Amino acid sequence: MVEKSAGAVIFRKEKGQIFFLLLHYPALSHRAEKSYWDFPKGHIEKGEELEETVRREVKEETGLEDIKFIKGFKETIRYFFRFQGKNILKFVTFFLVETKTKEIKISFEHNGYQWLDYKNALERLKFKNAKEVLKKANEFLDKIQAQSQ
């Protein structure tokens, strides 16, 4: 069985520093028996474009509506997990989005959230593929910043 989802690496700038948003997923959610930190993401609904899924999921999971997609960043990860005795191959496409809003209204799906600088966000993420997405997003932001100077 194959599942497809889309998500966002959300960041905001404060006093020249970049902070990334991580959500706390409870134990026994799709991917893990223990709770973990990850990016907002969700299933692509029938007829939905990837960016529409990201906007909908980000709004549902964080309350954020003022997200701006950063052109040129799109990363897809894949992994297997077991759900109800079945092996599922999951593809998740992540976009890089910026918000100016600090206040988050998490959904019932999560236990909490944190805005973290790159180093702390990298440490907090549990899964290797999520860490890779964050590394690429941070490098992409560094490149954009270098070009604008």
C-alpha atoms as a PDB file:
ATOM      1  CA  MET A   1       0.000   0.000   0.000  1.00  0.00           C
ATOM      2  CA  VAL A   2       1.220   3.531  -0.805  1.00  0.00           C
ATOM      3  CA  GLU A   3       0.316   6.780   1.005  1.00  0.00           C
ATOM      4  CA  LYS A   4       1.155  10.297  -0.126  1.00  0.00           C
ATOM      5  CA  SER A   5       1.314  13.350   2.092  1.00  0.00           C
ATOM      6  CA  ALA A   6       2.580  16.909   1.938  1.00  0.00           C
ATOM      7  CA  GLY A   7       4.019  19.095   4.654  1.00  0.00           C
ATOM      8  CA  ALA A   8       5.957  22.216   5.469  1.00  0.00           C
ATOM      9  CA  VAL A   9       9.183  23.287   7.059  1.00  0.00           C
ATOM     10  CA  ILE A  10       7.823  26.469   8.631  1.00  0.00           C
ATOM     11  CA  PHE A  11      10.168  29.248   9.710  1.00  0.00           C
ATOM     12  CA  ARG A  12       9.943  32.776  10.983  1.00  0.00           C
ATOM     13  CA  LYS A  13      12.521  35.488  11.489  1.00  0.00           C
ATOM     14  CA  GLU A  14      12.967  37.344  14.753  1.00  0.00           C
ATOM     15  CA  LYS A  15      15.717  39.923  15.267  1.00  0.00           C
ATOM     16  CA  GLY A  16      17.651  38.532  12.315  1.00  0.00           C
ATOM     17  CA  GLN A  17      17.541  34.947  13.573  1.00  0.00           C
ATOM     18  CA  ILE A  18      15.590  32.083  11.980  1.00  0.00           C
ATOM     19  CA  PHE A  19      13.344  29.817  14.046  1.00  0.00           C
ATOM     20  CA  PHE A  20      11.755  26.586  12.811  1.00  0.00           C
ATOM     21  CA  LEU A  21       8.396  25.241  13.978  1.00  0.00           C
ATOM     22  CA  LEU A  22       8.221  21.667  15.258  1.00  0.00           C
ATOM     23  CA  LEU A  23       5.069  19.891  16.420  1.00  0.00           C
ATOM     24  CA  HIS A  24       4.995  17.254  19.147  1.00  0.00           C
ATOM     25  CA  TYR A  25       3.268  14.087  17.922  1.00  0.00           C
ATOM     26  CA  PRO A  26       1.872  11.769  20.621  1.00  0.00           C
ATOM     27  CA  ALA A  27       2.887   8.144  21.101  1.00  0.00           C
ATOM     28  CA  LEU A  28       1.185   5.549  18.917  1.00  0.00           C
ATOM     29  CA  SER A  29       0.546   7.961  16.096  1.00  0.00           C
ATOM     30  CA  HIS A  30       1.280   6.689  12.580  1.00  0.00           C
ATOM     31  CA  ARG A  31       5.056   6.524  12.682  1.00  0.00           C
ATOM     32  CA  ALA A  32       6.130   5.643  16.159  1.00  0.00           C
ATOM     33  CA  GLU A  33       5.381   3.926  19.410  1.00  0.00           C
ATOM     34  CA  LYS A  34       6.959   6.816  21.307  1.00  0.00           C
ATOM     35  CA  SER A  35       6.137  10.493  20.999  1.00  0.00           C
ATOM     36  CA  TYR A  36       8.310  12.534  18.643  1.00  0.00           C
ATOM     37  CA  TRP A  37       8.825  15.991  17.124  1.00  0.00           C
ATOM     38  CA  ASP A  38       8.276  16.610  13.433  1.00  0.00           C
ATOM     39  CA  PHE A  39       6.974  19.067  10.833  1.00  0.00           C
ATOM     40  CA  PRO A  40       3.283  19.657  10.075  1.00  0.00           C
ATOM     41  CA  LYS A  41       2.062  17.325   7.335  1.00  0.00           C
ATOM     42  CA  GLY A  42      -0.937  15.345   6.196  1.00  0.00           C
ATOM     43  CA  HIS A  43      -2.621  13.257   3.525  1.00  0.00           C
ATOM     44  CA  ILE A  44      -3.257  14.682   0.097  1.00  0.00           C
ATOM     45  CA  GLU A  45      -6.996  14.719  -0.484  1.00  0.00           C
ATOM     46  CA  LYS A  46      -8.508  13.682  -3.821  1.00  0.00           C
ATOM     47  CA  GLY A  47      -8.125  16.435  -6.414  1.00  0.00           C
ATOM     48  CA  GLU A  48      -5.804  18.501  -4.220  1.00  0.00           C
ATOM     49  CA  GLU A  49      -2.538  20.009  -5.464  1.00  0.00           C
ATOM     50  CA  LEU A  50       0.462  19.616  -3.145  1.00  0.00           C
ATOM     51  CA  GLU A  51       0.512  23.290  -2.146  1.00  0.00           C
ATOM     52  CA  GLU A  52      -3.219  23.168  -1.372  1.00  0.00           C
ATOM     53  CA  THR A  53      -2.592  20.214   0.945  1.00  0.00           C
ATOM     54  CA  VAL A  54       0.184  22.133   2.687  1.00  0.00           C
ATOM     55  CA  ARG A  55      -2.025  25.210   3.201  1.00  0.00           C
ATOM     56  CA  ARG A  56      -4.894  23.088   4.548  1.00  0.00           C
ATOM     57  CA  GLU A  57      -2.747  20.918   6.826  1.00  0.00           C
ATOM     58  CA  VAL A  58      -0.761  23.859   8.177  1.00  0.00           C
ATOM     59  CA  LYS A  59      -3.993  25.713   8.985  1.00  0.00           C
ATOM     60  CA  GLU A  60      -5.561  22.611  10.602  1.00  0.00           C
ATOM     61  CA  GLU A  61      -2.485  21.678  12.647  1.00  0.00           C
ATOM     62  CA  THR A  62      -1.109  25.110  13.598  1.00  0.00           C
ATOM     63  CA  GLY A  63      -3.805  27.716  12.897  1.00  0.00           C
ATOM     64  CA  LEU A  64      -1.361  29.545  10.609  1.00  0.00           C
ATOM     65  CA  GLU A  65      -2.835  31.177   7.524  1.00  0.00           C
ATOM     66  CA  ASP A  66      -0.139  33.732   6.638  1.00  0.00           C
ATOM     67  CA  ILE A  67       2.279  31.291   5.050  1.00  0.00           C
ATOM     68  CA  LYS A  68       4.448  32.266   2.105  1.00  0.00           C
ATOM     69  CA  PHE A  69       5.999  29.509  -0.018  1.00  0.00           C
ATOM     70  CA  ILE A  70       9.717  29.990  -0.709  1.00  0.00           C
ATOM     71  CA  LYS A  71      10.214  29.268  -4.397  1.00  0.00           C
ATOM     72  CA  GLY A  72      12.703  26.588  -5.374  1.00  0.00           C
ATOM     73  CA  PHE A  73      12.493  24.333  -2.314  1.00  0.00           C
ATOM     74  CA  LYS A  74      10.715  20.988  -2.566  1.00  0.00           C
ATOM     75  CA  GLU A  75      11.991  17.808  -0.906  1.00  0.00           C
ATOM     76  CA  THR A  76      10.353  14.391  -0.956  1.00  0.00           C
ATOM     77  CA  ILE A  77      11.158  11.703   1.586  1.00  0.00           C
ATOM     78  CA  ARG A  78       9.965   8.125   1.696  1.00  0.00           C
ATOM     79  CA  TYR A  79       9.746   5.544   4.430  1.00  0.00           C
ATOM     80  CA  PHE A  80       7.945   2.367   5.392  1.00  0.00           C
ATOM     81  CA  PHE A  81       5.774   1.878   8.444  1.00  0.00           C
ATOM     82  CA  ARG A  82       3.366  -0.762   9.685  1.00  0.00           C
ATOM     83  CA  PHE A  83      -0.254   0.117  10.352  1.00  0.00           C
ATOM     84  CA  GLN A  84      -2.919  -2.430  11.299  1.00  0.00           C
ATOM     85  CA  GLY A  85      -0.627  -5.263  10.227  1.00  0.00           C
ATOM     86  CA  LYS A  86       0.131  -3.810   6.790  1.00  0.00           C
ATOM     87  CA  ASN A  87       3.404  -2.464   5.423  1.00  0.00           C
ATOM     88  CA  ILE A  88       2.840   1.010   4.014  1.00  0.00           C
ATOM     89  CA  LEU A  89       5.210   2.942   1.776  1.00  0.00           C
ATOM     90  CA  LYS A  90       4.799   6.638   2.513  1.00  0.00           C
ATOM     91  CA  PHE A  91       5.954   9.583   0.396  1.00  0.00           C
ATOM     92  CA  VAL A  92       5.951  13.045   1.970  1.00  0.00           C
ATOM     93  CA  THR A  93       6.759  16.164  -0.047  1.00  0.00           C
ATOM     94  CA  PHE A  94       7.914  19.133   2.010  1.00  0.00           C
ATOM     95  CA  PHE A  95       7.885  22.792   1.059  1.00  0.00           C
ATOM     96  CA  LEU A  96       9.648  25.640   2.807  1.00  0.00           C
ATOM     97  CA  VAL A  97       7.248  28.311   4.054  1.00  0.00           C
ATOM     98  CA  GLU A  98       7.648  31.523   6.007  1.00  0.00           C
ATOM     99  CA  THR A  99       5.235  32.998   8.513  1.00  0.00           C
ATOM    100  CA  LYS A 100       5.273  36.188  10.551  1.00  0.00           C
ATOM    101  CA  THR A 101       2.971  34.717  13.222  1.00  0.00           C
ATOM    102  CA  LYS A 102       4.512  33.424  16.436  1.00  0.00           C
ATOM    103  CA  GLU A 103       1.325  32.216  18.153  1.00  0.00           C
ATOM    104  CA  ILE A 104       0.303  28.676  17.218  1.00  0.00           C
ATOM    105  CA  LYS A 105      -3.049  26.966  17.824  1.00  0.00           C
ATOM    106  CA  ILE A 106      -2.254  23.262  17.721  1.00  0.00           C
ATOM    107  CA  SER A 107      -4.858  20.690  16.753  1.00  0.00           C
ATOM    108  CA  PHE A 108      -6.002  17.702  18.789  1.00  0.00           C
ATOM    109  CA  GLU A 109      -3.425  15.649  16.838  1.00  0.00           C
ATOM    110  CA  HIS A 110      -0.485  17.170  18.734  1.00  0.00           C
ATOM    111  CA  ASN A 111       0.760  17.597  22.289  1.00  0.00           C
ATOM    112  CA  GLY A 112       2.631  20.852  21.783  1.00  0.00           C
ATOM    113  CA  TYR A 113       4.883  22.954  19.596  1.00  0.00           C
ATOM    114  CA  GLN A 114       8.189  24.796  19.759  1.00  0.00           C
ATOM    115  CA  TRP A 115       9.963  27.452  17.738  1.00  0.00           C
ATOM    116  CA  LEU A 116      13.624  26.438  17.699  1.00  0.00           C
ATOM    117  CA  ASP A 117      16.800  27.690  16.107  1.00  0.00           C
ATOM    118  CA  TYR A 118      18.420  25.368  13.587  1.00  0.00           C
ATOM    119  CA  LYS A 119      20.780  23.587  16.002  1.00  0.00           C
ATOM    120  CA  ASN A 120      18.074  22.838  18.577  1.00  0.00           C
ATOM    121  CA  ALA A 121      15.502  21.869  15.931  1.00  0.00           C
ATOM    122  CA  LEU A 122      17.994  19.411  14.430  1.00  0.00           C
ATOM    123  CA  GLU A 123      18.587  17.850  17.863  1.00  0.00           C
ATOM    124  CA  ARG A 124      14.861  17.654  18.627  1.00  0.00           C
ATOM    125  CA  LEU A 125      13.886  15.872  15.400  1.00  0.00           C
ATOM    126  CA  LYS A 126      13.812  12.105  15.826  1.00  0.00           C
ATOM    127  CA  PHE A 127      13.873  10.741  12.289  1.00  0.00           C
ATOM    128  CA  LYS A 128      16.931  10.867  10.054  1.00  0.00           C
ATOM    129  CA  ASN A 129      14.922  11.839   6.960  1.00  0.00           C
ATOM    130  CA  ALA A 130      13.328  14.778   8.837  1.00  0.00           C
ATOM    131  CA  LYS A 131      16.805  15.921   9.903  1.00  0.00           C
ATOM    132  CA  GLU A 132      17.908  15.779   6.243  1.00  0.00           C
ATOM    133  CA  VAL A 133      14.938  17.901   5.157  1.00  0.00           C
ATOM    134  CA  LEU A 134      15.764  20.475   7.853  1.00  0.00           C
ATOM    135  CA  LYS A 135      19.452  20.532   6.818  1.00  0.00           C
ATOM    136  CA  LYS A 136      18.493  21.142   3.186  1.00  0.00           C
ATOM    137  CA  ALA A 137      15.977  23.844   4.173  1.00  0.00           C
ATOM    138  CA  ASN A 138      18.563  25.614   6.322  1.00  0.00           C
ATOM    139  CA  GLU A 139      21.198  25.444   3.553  1.00  0.00           C
ATOM    140  CA  PHE A 140      18.626  26.795   1.085  1.00  0.00           C
ATOM    141  CA  LEU A 141      17.854  29.745   3.398  1.00  0.00           C
ATOM    142  CA  ASP A 142      21.590  30.416   3.864  1.00  0.00           C
ATOM    143  CA  LYS A 143      22.037  30.472   0.080  1.00  0.00           C
ATOM    144  CA  ILE A 144      19.114  32.904  -0.388  1.00  0.00           C
ATOM    145  CA  GLN A 145      20.485  35.147   2.350  1.00  0.00           C
ATOM    146  CA  ALA A 146      23.970  35.141   0.801  1.00  0.00           C
ATOM    147  CA  GLN A 147      22.538  36.070  -2.604  1.00  0.00           C
ATOM    148  CA  SER A 148      20.565  38.996  -1.192  1.00  0.00           C
ATOM    149  CA  GLN A 149      23.637  40.604   0.384  1.00  0.00           C
END
